[in-house]
Amino acid sequence: MALPFVLPLIILLAGLIAFPVFKSIQLSFTTRQLTDAEHFVGLQNYKDLLHDKFFKDAVTNSVIFTAYSIIFKITAGLIAAMLLHNLRRGRAVLTALVLLPWIVPTVVTALAWRSIYDPLFGGLNTILLRLHLGPLLANLHLVDRVPASWLG
């Protein structure tokens, strides 16, 4: 019984995720010149990658960067947590300062989306009105008025 409700999501995910993945895999087995069509080369692209110095350097740099960043983040987080745990005075203020870089991007994102959806000055209504889609949405009863109050 749930299939009619889930099917649109499955189709959307297939179109947005599965198709590009399968197309990328297919393209990895081909070669293309600017003026020619695709030519199937099998595993030759992967063989070429194994002998490419730039690819090896990129993989090495990615692994090193990932390892160091994980080690640094865990170490810095544990040190900060231990220092904050043992503090008696100012613990709440310092905890807030430590969490601030984590909180600020979320707040900025929320404010940005709120400004986009603003009924008077938001970008969404401006674009819909310039494309003459606002009245169309109202005629289809998708919005109750133009400009629409998206968050109201």
Protein backbone atom coordinates (compact mmCIF):
# COMPACT_ATOMS: atom_id res chain seq x y z
CA MET A 1 0.00 0.00 0.00
CA ALA A 2 2.89 2.38 0.54
CA LEU A 3 4.29 1.93 -2.99
CA PRO A 4 2.24 4.76 -4.58
CA PHE A 5 3.61 7.14 -1.96
CA VAL A 6 7.20 5.96 -2.20
CA LEU A 7 7.35 5.46 -5.98
CA PRO A 8 7.85 9.16 -6.86
CA LEU A 9 10.79 9.30 -4.45
CA ILE A 10 12.27 6.12 -5.91
CA ILE A 11 11.98 7.52 -9.42
CA LEU A 12 13.53 10.82 -8.33
CA LEU A 13 16.43 9.08 -6.59
CA ALA A 14 16.97 6.85 -9.59
CA GLY A 15 17.08 9.88 -11.85
CA LEU A 16 19.30 12.00 -9.65
CA ILE A 17 21.63 9.37 -8.18
CA ALA A 18 21.52 6.02 -9.94
CA PHE A 19 21.53 7.33 -13.52
CA PRO A 20 24.60 9.58 -13.08
CA VAL A 21 26.47 6.77 -11.30
CA PHE A 22 25.77 4.26 -14.05
CA LYS A 23 26.51 6.85 -16.76
CA SER A 24 29.85 7.64 -15.09
CA ILE A 25 30.74 3.96 -14.97
CA GLN A 26 29.81 3.59 -18.62
CA LEU A 27 31.87 6.64 -19.60
CA SER A 28 34.87 5.33 -17.67
CA PHE A 29 35.11 2.47 -20.17
CA THR A 30 35.19 4.81 -23.17
CA THR A 31 37.40 7.46 -24.65
CA ARG A 32 36.35 10.55 -26.55
CA GLN A 33 38.21 13.10 -28.58
CA LEU A 34 36.83 16.56 -29.21
CA THR A 35 35.69 15.78 -32.74
CA ASP A 36 35.07 12.01 -32.47
CA ALA A 37 32.34 9.95 -30.89
CA GLU A 38 32.85 7.70 -27.87
CA HIS A 39 35.01 4.64 -28.38
CA PHE A 40 34.91 1.65 -26.04
CA VAL A 41 38.37 1.00 -24.54
CA GLY A 42 37.51 -1.43 -21.77
CA LEU A 43 39.81 -1.26 -18.74
CA GLN A 44 42.51 0.78 -20.54
CA ASN A 45 41.56 3.99 -18.71
CA TYR A 46 42.05 2.23 -15.37
CA LYS A 47 45.38 0.75 -16.51
CA ASP A 48 46.50 4.24 -17.53
CA LEU A 49 45.52 5.58 -14.10
CA LEU A 50 47.72 3.03 -12.35
CA HIS A 51 50.74 4.37 -14.25
CA ASP A 52 49.86 8.07 -13.98
CA LYS A 53 52.14 9.97 -11.57
CA PHE A 54 49.64 12.81 -11.05
CA PHE A 55 46.89 10.36 -10.08
CA LYS A 56 49.17 8.59 -7.60
CA ASP A 57 50.22 11.94 -6.12
CA ALA A 58 46.57 13.03 -5.83
CA VAL A 59 45.58 9.82 -4.05
CA THR A 60 48.58 10.05 -1.73
CA ASN A 61 47.84 13.70 -0.91
CA SER A 62 44.16 12.92 -0.28
CA VAL A 63 44.97 10.07 2.10
CA ILE A 64 47.57 12.13 3.98
CA PHE A 65 45.25 15.16 4.23
CA THR A 66 42.35 13.02 5.44
CA ALA A 67 44.45 11.21 8.01
CA TYR A 68 46.01 14.38 9.42
CA SER A 69 42.71 16.25 9.51
CA ILE A 70 40.96 13.41 11.34
CA ILE A 71 43.81 13.06 13.82
CA PHE A 72 43.87 16.84 14.38
CA LYS A 73 40.10 17.14 14.81
CA ILE A 74 39.87 14.26 17.28
CA THR A 75 42.89 15.44 19.26
CA ALA A 76 41.75 19.07 19.37
CA GLY A 77 38.21 18.04 20.30
CA LEU A 78 39.36 15.79 23.13
CA ILE A 79 41.73 18.43 24.50
CA ALA A 80 39.00 21.08 24.38
CA ALA A 81 36.50 18.75 26.05
CA MET A 82 38.96 17.81 28.82
CA LEU A 83 39.87 21.45 29.45
CA LEU A 84 36.23 22.51 29.56
CA HIS A 85 35.24 19.60 31.77
CA ASN A 86 37.78 20.54 34.44
CA LEU A 87 36.92 24.25 34.44
CA ARG A 88 35.02 25.67 37.38
CA ARG A 89 34.46 29.29 36.33
CA GLY A 90 33.47 30.49 32.86
CA ARG A 91 32.64 27.00 31.66
CA ALA A 92 29.39 28.04 29.96
CA VAL A 93 30.99 30.98 28.15
CA LEU A 94 33.91 28.93 26.88
CA THR A 95 31.62 26.09 25.83
CA ALA A 96 29.58 28.60 23.82
CA LEU A 97 32.75 29.96 22.21
CA VAL A 98 33.89 26.45 21.27
CA LEU A 99 30.48 25.61 19.77
CA LEU A 100 30.15 28.94 17.94
CA PRO A 101 31.90 27.82 14.71
CA TRP A 102 29.54 24.87 14.56
CA ILE A 103 26.40 26.92 15.19
CA VAL A 104 27.04 30.01 13.04
CA PRO A 105 26.87 28.34 9.57
CA THR A 106 23.49 26.82 10.44
CA VAL A 107 22.13 30.17 11.58
CA VAL A 108 23.49 31.95 8.49
CA THR A 109 21.94 29.31 6.23
CA ALA A 110 18.57 29.63 7.98
CA LEU A 111 18.65 33.42 7.64
CA ALA A 112 19.60 33.17 3.97
CA TRP A 113 16.69 30.85 3.21
CA ARG A 114 14.35 33.05 5.24
CA SER A 115 15.39 36.07 3.18
CA ILE A 116 14.82 34.13 -0.07
CA TYR A 117 11.28 33.23 1.03
CA ASP A 118 10.43 36.73 2.35
CA PRO A 119 7.06 37.74 0.83
CA LEU A 120 7.98 41.37 0.12
CA PHE A 121 11.72 41.44 -0.52
CA GLY A 122 12.58 37.80 -1.14
CA GLY A 123 14.24 36.59 -4.29
CA LEU A 124 11.80 33.74 -4.94
CA ASN A 125 8.76 35.98 -5.33
CA THR A 126 10.75 38.45 -7.41
CA ILE A 127 11.80 35.72 -9.84
CA LEU A 128 8.30 34.24 -10.00
CA LEU A 129 6.78 37.66 -10.72
CA ARG A 130 9.35 38.50 -13.42
CA LEU A 131 8.72 35.15 -15.12
CA HIS A 132 4.94 35.73 -14.75
CA LEU A 133 4.65 32.48 -12.80
CA GLY A 134 3.15 34.03 -9.66
CA PRO A 135 -0.36 34.42 -11.10
CA LEU A 136 -0.12 30.96 -12.66
CA LEU A 137 0.64 29.43 -9.26
CA ALA A 138 -2.30 31.32 -7.78
CA ASN A 139 -4.63 30.11 -10.57
CA LEU A 140 -3.53 26.52 -9.92
CA HIS A 141 -4.27 27.09 -6.20
CA LEU A 142 -0.67 26.27 -5.25
CA VAL A 143 -0.40 29.60 -3.41
CA ASP A 144 -3.17 31.62 -1.84
CA ARG A 145 -1.98 35.02 -3.06
CA VAL A 146 0.70 36.82 -5.06
CA PRO A 147 3.30 37.59 -3.71
CA ALA A 148 3.13 34.34 -1.77
CA SER A 149 3.86 34.14 1.93
CA TRP A 150 5.98 30.99 1.74
CA LEU A 151 6.70 30.75 5.45
CA GLY A 152 3.33 32.04 6.66
